[in-house]
Amino acid sequence: MRTRTAEGLFLTLLHERVTDRRVCQQTIERFAGLLRTCATCTIESTECATTLAGIDKAIAEDRPVPLYTVAAEHVRISLVGPPNTVKSDCESIAGHMVLSGLKSATCIYPKRNPV
């Protein structure tokens, strides 16, 4: 699920693989319901992808990526946004996820490739 905010934050939510398409659709609906409470959020796309590529695949495989990422049980959320707020947005989202009942959620800072 890809979402953007009026403030220029772009979020990509990746859920661990499920084998039943119905379960995938229910998961999308659950997260879409949460995002509908955000007045400045726009859901740009939702899909039950059977394969991932590029940065999405790297995030799903817990490989280091050059993006802020929220890691929680069954879910990863990558964030791209204004450099002066994306770190605090990541930490805030992780905190809200824990407050909403998840056991844990952590903001993972970007990994830079050595030059």
Protein backbone atom coordinates (compact mmCIF):
# COMPACT_ATOMS: atom_id res chain seq x y z
CA MET A 1 0.00 0.00 0.00
CA ARG A 2 1.44 3.36 -1.01
CA THR A 3 0.30 6.52 0.74
CA ARG A 4 1.32 10.17 0.67
CA THR A 5 0.59 13.08 2.95
CA ALA A 6 0.05 16.73 2.15
CA GLU A 7 3.32 17.41 3.99
CA GLY A 8 5.30 15.45 1.39
CA LEU A 9 5.75 12.19 3.28
CA PHE A 10 5.50 9.01 1.19
CA LEU A 11 4.85 5.69 2.96
CA THR A 12 5.00 2.19 1.54
CA LEU A 13 3.51 -0.52 3.73
CA LEU A 14 4.66 -4.08 3.19
CA HIS A 15 3.00 -6.96 5.00
CA GLU A 16 4.62 -10.37 5.27
CA ARG A 17 3.54 -12.79 2.57
CA VAL A 18 0.14 -14.42 2.97
CA THR A 19 -1.02 -17.31 0.80
CA ASP A 20 -4.72 -16.46 0.78
CA ARG A 21 -5.74 -13.47 -1.36
CA ARG A 22 -8.75 -12.91 0.90
CA VAL A 23 -6.42 -12.47 3.90
CA CYS A 24 -4.40 -9.98 1.88
CA GLN A 25 -7.51 -7.96 1.03
CA GLN A 26 -8.59 -7.95 4.68
CA THR A 27 -5.15 -6.70 5.70
CA ILE A 28 -5.32 -3.90 3.13
CA GLU A 29 -8.77 -2.90 4.40
CA ARG A 30 -7.58 -2.85 8.00
CA PHE A 31 -4.65 -0.56 7.22
CA ALA A 32 -6.70 1.59 4.85
CA GLY A 33 -9.20 2.08 7.66
CA LEU A 34 -6.45 3.35 9.93
CA LEU A 35 -5.15 5.71 7.24
CA ARG A 36 -8.61 7.16 6.63
CA THR A 37 -8.35 8.82 10.05
CA CYS A 38 -5.45 10.87 8.67
CA ALA A 39 -6.94 14.04 7.18
CA THR A 40 -3.88 14.78 5.01
CA CYS A 41 -3.25 11.21 3.78
CA THR A 42 -4.04 9.93 0.31
CA ILE A 43 -3.84 6.24 -0.49
CA GLU A 44 -2.20 6.07 -3.90
CA SER A 45 -2.26 2.32 -4.49
CA THR A 46 -3.10 -0.99 -2.90
CA GLU A 47 -2.26 -4.40 -4.23
CA CYS A 48 -1.61 -7.96 -3.18
CA ALA A 49 1.72 -8.36 -4.91
CA THR A 50 2.91 -11.90 -5.51
CA THR A 51 6.50 -10.80 -6.16
CA LEU A 52 8.54 -7.85 -4.99
CA ALA A 53 11.49 -6.13 -6.62
CA GLY A 54 14.01 -3.45 -5.83
CA ILE A 55 13.76 -1.56 -2.57
CA ASP A 56 10.46 -3.25 -1.63
CA LYS A 57 12.12 -6.66 -1.87
CA ALA A 58 15.10 -5.49 0.18
CA ILE A 59 12.80 -4.13 2.90
CA ALA A 60 10.72 -7.32 2.96
CA GLU A 61 13.93 -9.34 3.36
CA ASP A 62 15.14 -7.09 6.22
CA ARG A 63 18.19 -6.02 4.23
CA PRO A 64 19.76 -2.60 4.91
CA VAL A 65 18.21 0.16 2.79
CA PRO A 66 18.91 3.90 2.43
CA LEU A 67 15.44 4.80 3.79
CA TYR A 68 13.84 5.23 7.18
CA THR A 69 11.78 2.12 7.88
CA VAL A 70 9.37 1.17 10.65
CA ALA A 71 9.73 -2.51 11.56
CA ALA A 72 6.91 -4.24 13.43
CA GLU A 73 5.55 -7.76 13.66
CA HIS A 74 4.42 -8.82 10.15
CA VAL A 75 4.80 -5.26 8.76
CA ARG A 76 7.44 -2.92 7.35
CA ILE A 77 6.76 0.71 6.42
CA SER A 78 9.31 2.66 4.40
CA LEU A 79 9.28 6.45 4.55
CA VAL A 80 10.52 9.05 2.10
CA GLY A 81 9.97 12.68 2.89
CA PRO A 82 11.32 16.07 3.86
CA PRO A 83 14.80 15.56 5.35
CA ASN A 84 14.03 17.79 8.33
CA THR A 85 11.00 15.72 9.45
CA VAL A 86 11.28 12.15 8.12
CA LYS A 87 13.26 10.88 11.13
CA SER A 88 10.73 12.23 13.64
CA ASP A 89 7.87 10.94 11.44
CA CYS A 90 9.42 7.47 11.51
CA GLU A 91 9.81 7.53 15.29
CA SER A 92 6.27 8.89 15.72
CA ILE A 93 4.71 6.18 13.55
CA ALA A 94 6.58 3.47 15.47
CA GLY A 95 5.38 4.97 18.75
CA HIS A 96 1.77 5.16 17.57
CA MET A 97 1.88 1.54 16.44
CA VAL A 98 2.94 0.45 19.93
CA LEU A 99 0.30 2.66 21.56
CA SER A 100 -2.32 1.06 19.29
CA GLY A 101 -1.50 -2.39 20.64
CA LEU A 102 1.47 -3.85 18.77
CA LYS A 103 4.08 -5.52 20.98
CA SER A 104 6.86 -3.52 19.37
CA ALA A 105 7.62 -1.22 16.48
CA THR A 106 11.01 0.31 15.80
CA CYS A 107 12.24 3.08 13.55
CA ILE A 108 15.26 1.79 11.63
CA TYR A 109 17.58 4.49 10.34
CA PRO A 110 18.87 4.47 6.76
CA LYS A 111 21.98 2.48 5.95
CA ARG A 112 24.46 4.23 3.73
CA ASN A 113 26.69 2.36 1.32
CA PRO A 114 30.39 3.05 1.98
CA VAL A 115 31.96 5.22 -0.69
